[in-house]
Amino acid sequence: MIIALDHVHLTAPAGSEDLLRAFYVGALGLVEIPKPPALAARGGCWFTDKDHRVQLHLGIEESFRPPAKAHPGLRVRDIDAFAARLTAHGAPVVRDELLPGYRRFYSRDPVGNRLEFLEPRP
């Protein structure tokens, strides 16, 4: 029986860890968490929110190509302020109002991974 989503794993090109840290910590406000030593040698980095409810793992993929559509959907509070924060960090913000009951937008991290941000409508 599935009881929760533990983490989402995205990929990135070799040597992109500093770009990822700047975006996921600086722009998204996440915190980096240490990878287990046996996995740290592979490169990449892991992030979580301050309450440890959401984890994003970014692993290195030698033949990395960002997926066109695959993405995690991340719930946010105050979606307009969050979009402004991403714009201030140079990330694209593409609004999409097609999902009933939600306000949402898409963005891309510095290596091209697609991310969806959603907020339920009141």
C-alpha atoms as a PDB file:
ATOM      1  CA  MET A   1       0.000   0.000   0.000  1.00  0.00           C
ATOM      2  CA  ILE A   2       1.424   3.414  -0.997  1.00  0.00           C
ATOM      3  CA  ILE A   3       1.156   5.936   1.842  1.00  0.00           C
ATOM      4  CA  ALA A   4       3.164   8.970   0.676  1.00  0.00           C
ATOM      5  CA  LEU A   5       5.480  10.369  -1.950  1.00  0.00           C
ATOM      6  CA  ASP A   6       8.989  10.288  -0.485  1.00  0.00           C
ATOM      7  CA  HIS A   7      10.852  12.398  -3.067  1.00  0.00           C
ATOM      8  CA  VAL A   8      11.064  13.389  -6.716  1.00  0.00           C
ATOM      9  CA  HIS A   9      14.268  12.692  -8.612  1.00  0.00           C
ATOM     10  CA  LEU A  10      15.320  15.003 -11.429  1.00  0.00           C
ATOM     11  CA  THR A  11      18.514  14.851 -13.433  1.00  0.00           C
ATOM     12  CA  ALA A  12      21.155  17.402 -14.370  1.00  0.00           C
ATOM     13  CA  PRO A  13      24.396  17.556 -16.347  1.00  0.00           C
ATOM     14  CA  ALA A  14      27.769  16.923 -14.718  1.00  0.00           C
ATOM     15  CA  GLY A  15      29.264  19.966 -13.028  1.00  0.00           C
ATOM     16  CA  SER A  16      25.946  21.812 -12.570  1.00  0.00           C
ATOM     17  CA  GLU A  17      25.715  21.497  -8.790  1.00  0.00           C
ATOM     18  CA  ASP A  18      26.548  25.164  -8.071  1.00  0.00           C
ATOM     19  CA  LEU A  19      23.859  26.345 -10.516  1.00  0.00           C
ATOM     20  CA  LEU A  20      21.375  23.970  -8.913  1.00  0.00           C
ATOM     21  CA  ARG A  21      22.222  25.163  -5.405  1.00  0.00           C
ATOM     22  CA  ALA A  22      21.812  28.808  -6.412  1.00  0.00           C
ATOM     23  CA  PHE A  23      18.375  28.083  -7.878  1.00  0.00           C
ATOM     24  CA  TYR A  24      16.898  25.560  -5.457  1.00  0.00           C
ATOM     25  CA  VAL A  25      18.175  27.355  -2.335  1.00  0.00           C
ATOM     26  CA  GLY A  26      18.304  30.965  -3.557  1.00  0.00           C
ATOM     27  CA  ALA A  27      15.244  31.125  -5.799  1.00  0.00           C
ATOM     28  CA  LEU A  28      13.000  28.391  -4.383  1.00  0.00           C
ATOM     29  CA  GLY A  29      13.978  28.824  -0.733  1.00  0.00           C
ATOM     30  CA  LEU A  30      14.764  25.149  -0.146  1.00  0.00           C
ATOM     31  CA  VAL A  31      17.559  23.821   2.050  1.00  0.00           C
ATOM     32  CA  GLU A  32      20.267  21.478   0.833  1.00  0.00           C
ATOM     33  CA  ILE A  33      20.466  18.181   2.699  1.00  0.00           C
ATOM     34  CA  PRO A  34      23.540  15.965   2.610  1.00  0.00           C
ATOM     35  CA  LYS A  35      23.469  12.920   0.386  1.00  0.00           C
ATOM     36  CA  PRO A  36      24.479   9.642   2.029  1.00  0.00           C
ATOM     37  CA  PRO A  37      28.244   9.164   1.597  1.00  0.00           C
ATOM     38  CA  ALA A  38      27.812   6.168  -0.713  1.00  0.00           C
ATOM     39  CA  LEU A  39      25.695   8.312  -3.063  1.00  0.00           C
ATOM     40  CA  ALA A  40      27.577  11.613  -2.717  1.00  0.00           C
ATOM     41  CA  ALA A  41      30.401  10.340  -4.921  1.00  0.00           C
ATOM     42  CA  ARG A  42      27.955  10.268  -7.851  1.00  0.00           C
ATOM     43  CA  GLY A  43      27.506  14.055  -7.712  1.00  0.00           C
ATOM     44  CA  GLY A  44      24.237  15.924  -7.688  1.00  0.00           C
ATOM     45  CA  CYS A  45      22.457  17.414  -4.685  1.00  0.00           C
ATOM     46  CA  TRP A  46      19.328  16.953  -2.609  1.00  0.00           C
ATOM     47  CA  PHE A  47      16.974  19.640  -1.311  1.00  0.00           C
ATOM     48  CA  THR A  48      14.060  19.866   1.102  1.00  0.00           C
ATOM     49  CA  ASP A  49      11.743  22.499   2.531  1.00  0.00           C
ATOM     50  CA  LYS A  50      12.315  23.777   6.070  1.00  0.00           C
ATOM     51  CA  ASP A  51       9.685  21.366   7.450  1.00  0.00           C
ATOM     52  CA  HIS A  52      11.051  18.351   5.527  1.00  0.00           C
ATOM     53  CA  ARG A  53       7.731  17.680   3.779  1.00  0.00           C
ATOM     54  CA  VAL A  54       9.065  17.908   0.216  1.00  0.00           C
ATOM     55  CA  GLN A  55      12.321  16.503  -1.156  1.00  0.00           C
ATOM     56  CA  LEU A  56      13.820  17.062  -4.588  1.00  0.00           C
ATOM     57  CA  HIS A  57      16.833  14.965  -5.536  1.00  0.00           C
ATOM     58  CA  LEU A  58      18.944  16.066  -8.495  1.00  0.00           C
ATOM     59  CA  GLY A  59      21.242  13.388  -9.822  1.00  0.00           C
ATOM     60  CA  ILE A  60      23.901  13.632 -12.484  1.00  0.00           C
ATOM     61  CA  GLU A  61      23.137  12.085 -15.849  1.00  0.00           C
ATOM     62  CA  GLU A  62      25.965  11.978 -18.388  1.00  0.00           C
ATOM     63  CA  SER A  63      23.683  12.245 -21.415  1.00  0.00           C
ATOM     64  CA  PHE A  64      21.347  14.758 -19.752  1.00  0.00           C
ATOM     65  CA  ARG A  65      18.534  16.297 -21.782  1.00  0.00           C
ATOM     66  CA  PRO A  66      15.768  18.092 -19.910  1.00  0.00           C
ATOM     67  CA  PRO A  67      12.381  16.466 -20.422  1.00  0.00           C
ATOM     68  CA  ALA A  68       9.882  18.507 -22.426  1.00  0.00           C
ATOM     69  CA  LYS A  69       6.830  17.777 -20.264  1.00  0.00           C
ATOM     70  CA  ALA A  70       7.702  15.633 -17.233  1.00  0.00           C
ATOM     71  CA  HIS A  71       7.813  17.685 -14.035  1.00  0.00           C
ATOM     72  CA  PRO A  72       7.039  17.760 -10.313  1.00  0.00           C
ATOM     73  CA  GLY A  73       4.019  19.792  -9.215  1.00  0.00           C
ATOM     74  CA  LEU A  74       4.840  21.866  -6.146  1.00  0.00           C
ATOM     75  CA  ARG A  75       2.169  23.531  -4.006  1.00  0.00           C
ATOM     76  CA  VAL A  76       2.955  27.055  -2.896  1.00  0.00           C
ATOM     77  CA  ARG A  77       1.403  29.787  -0.767  1.00  0.00           C
ATOM     78  CA  ASP A  78       0.997  33.273  -2.294  1.00  0.00           C
ATOM     79  CA  ILE A  79       1.642  32.193  -5.865  1.00  0.00           C
ATOM     80  CA  ASP A  80       2.006  35.769  -7.157  1.00  0.00           C
ATOM     81  CA  ALA A  81       4.812  36.529  -4.705  1.00  0.00           C
ATOM     82  CA  PHE A  82       6.435  33.207  -5.554  1.00  0.00           C
ATOM     83  CA  ALA A  83       6.280  33.978  -9.290  1.00  0.00           C
ATOM     84  CA  ALA A  84       7.806  37.403  -8.626  1.00  0.00           C
ATOM     85  CA  ARG A  85      10.600  35.761  -6.625  1.00  0.00           C
ATOM     86  CA  LEU A  86      11.430  33.425  -9.504  1.00  0.00           C
ATOM     87  CA  THR A  87      11.314  36.259 -12.025  1.00  0.00           C
ATOM     88  CA  ALA A  88      13.714  38.261  -9.835  1.00  0.00           C
ATOM     89  CA  HIS A  89      16.112  35.287  -9.993  1.00  0.00           C
ATOM     90  CA  GLY A  90      15.894  35.224 -13.800  1.00  0.00           C
ATOM     91  CA  ALA A  91      13.695  32.117 -14.048  1.00  0.00           C
ATOM     92  CA  PRO A  92      10.894  32.023 -16.610  1.00  0.00           C
ATOM     93  CA  VAL A  93       7.276  32.150 -15.397  1.00  0.00           C
ATOM     94  CA  VAL A  94       4.602  30.815 -17.754  1.00  0.00           C
ATOM     95  CA  ARG A  95       1.124  31.116 -16.291  1.00  0.00           C
ATOM     96  CA  ASP A  96      -1.515  28.496 -17.038  1.00  0.00           C
ATOM     97  CA  GLU A  97      -5.097  28.791 -15.799  1.00  0.00           C
ATOM     98  CA  LEU A  98      -6.422  25.571 -17.378  1.00  0.00           C
ATOM     99  CA  LEU A  99      -6.558  23.417 -14.222  1.00  0.00           C
ATOM    100  CA  PRO A 100      -9.928  23.942 -12.470  1.00  0.00           C
ATOM    101  CA  GLY A 101      -9.613  24.948  -8.834  1.00  0.00           C
ATOM    102  CA  TYR A 102      -5.970  26.064  -9.056  1.00  0.00           C
ATOM    103  CA  ARG A 103      -3.797  28.975 -10.024  1.00  0.00           C
ATOM    104  CA  ARG A 104      -0.536  27.742 -11.480  1.00  0.00           C
ATOM    105  CA  PHE A 105       2.541  28.481 -13.513  1.00  0.00           C
ATOM    106  CA  TYR A 106       5.472  26.622 -14.988  1.00  0.00           C
ATOM    107  CA  SER A 107       9.137  27.467 -14.759  1.00  0.00           C
ATOM    108  CA  ARG A 108      12.488  25.862 -15.567  1.00  0.00           C
ATOM    109  CA  ASP A 109      15.539  25.393 -13.394  1.00  0.00           C
ATOM    110  CA  PRO A 110      18.933  26.544 -14.755  1.00  0.00           C
ATOM    111  CA  VAL A 111      19.539  23.219 -16.521  1.00  0.00           C
ATOM    112  CA  GLY A 112      16.075  23.105 -18.104  1.00  0.00           C
ATOM    113  CA  ASN A 113      14.045  20.865 -15.787  1.00  0.00           C
ATOM    114  CA  ARG A 114      10.369  21.837 -15.926  1.00  0.00           C
ATOM    115  CA  LEU A 115       8.674  22.686 -12.611  1.00  0.00           C
ATOM    116  CA  GLU A 116       4.981  23.343 -11.957  1.00  0.00           C
ATOM    117  CA  PHE A 117       3.853  25.569  -9.077  1.00  0.00           C
ATOM    118  CA  LEU A 118       0.228  25.417  -7.913  1.00  0.00           C
ATOM    119  CA  GLU A 119      -1.995  27.128  -5.384  1.00  0.00           C
ATOM    120  CA  PRO A 120      -5.593  26.032  -4.744  1.00  0.00           C
ATOM    121  CA  ARG A 121      -8.151  28.740  -5.443  1.00  0.00           C
ATOM    122  CA  PRO A 122     -10.021  29.918  -2.341  1.00  0.00           C
END
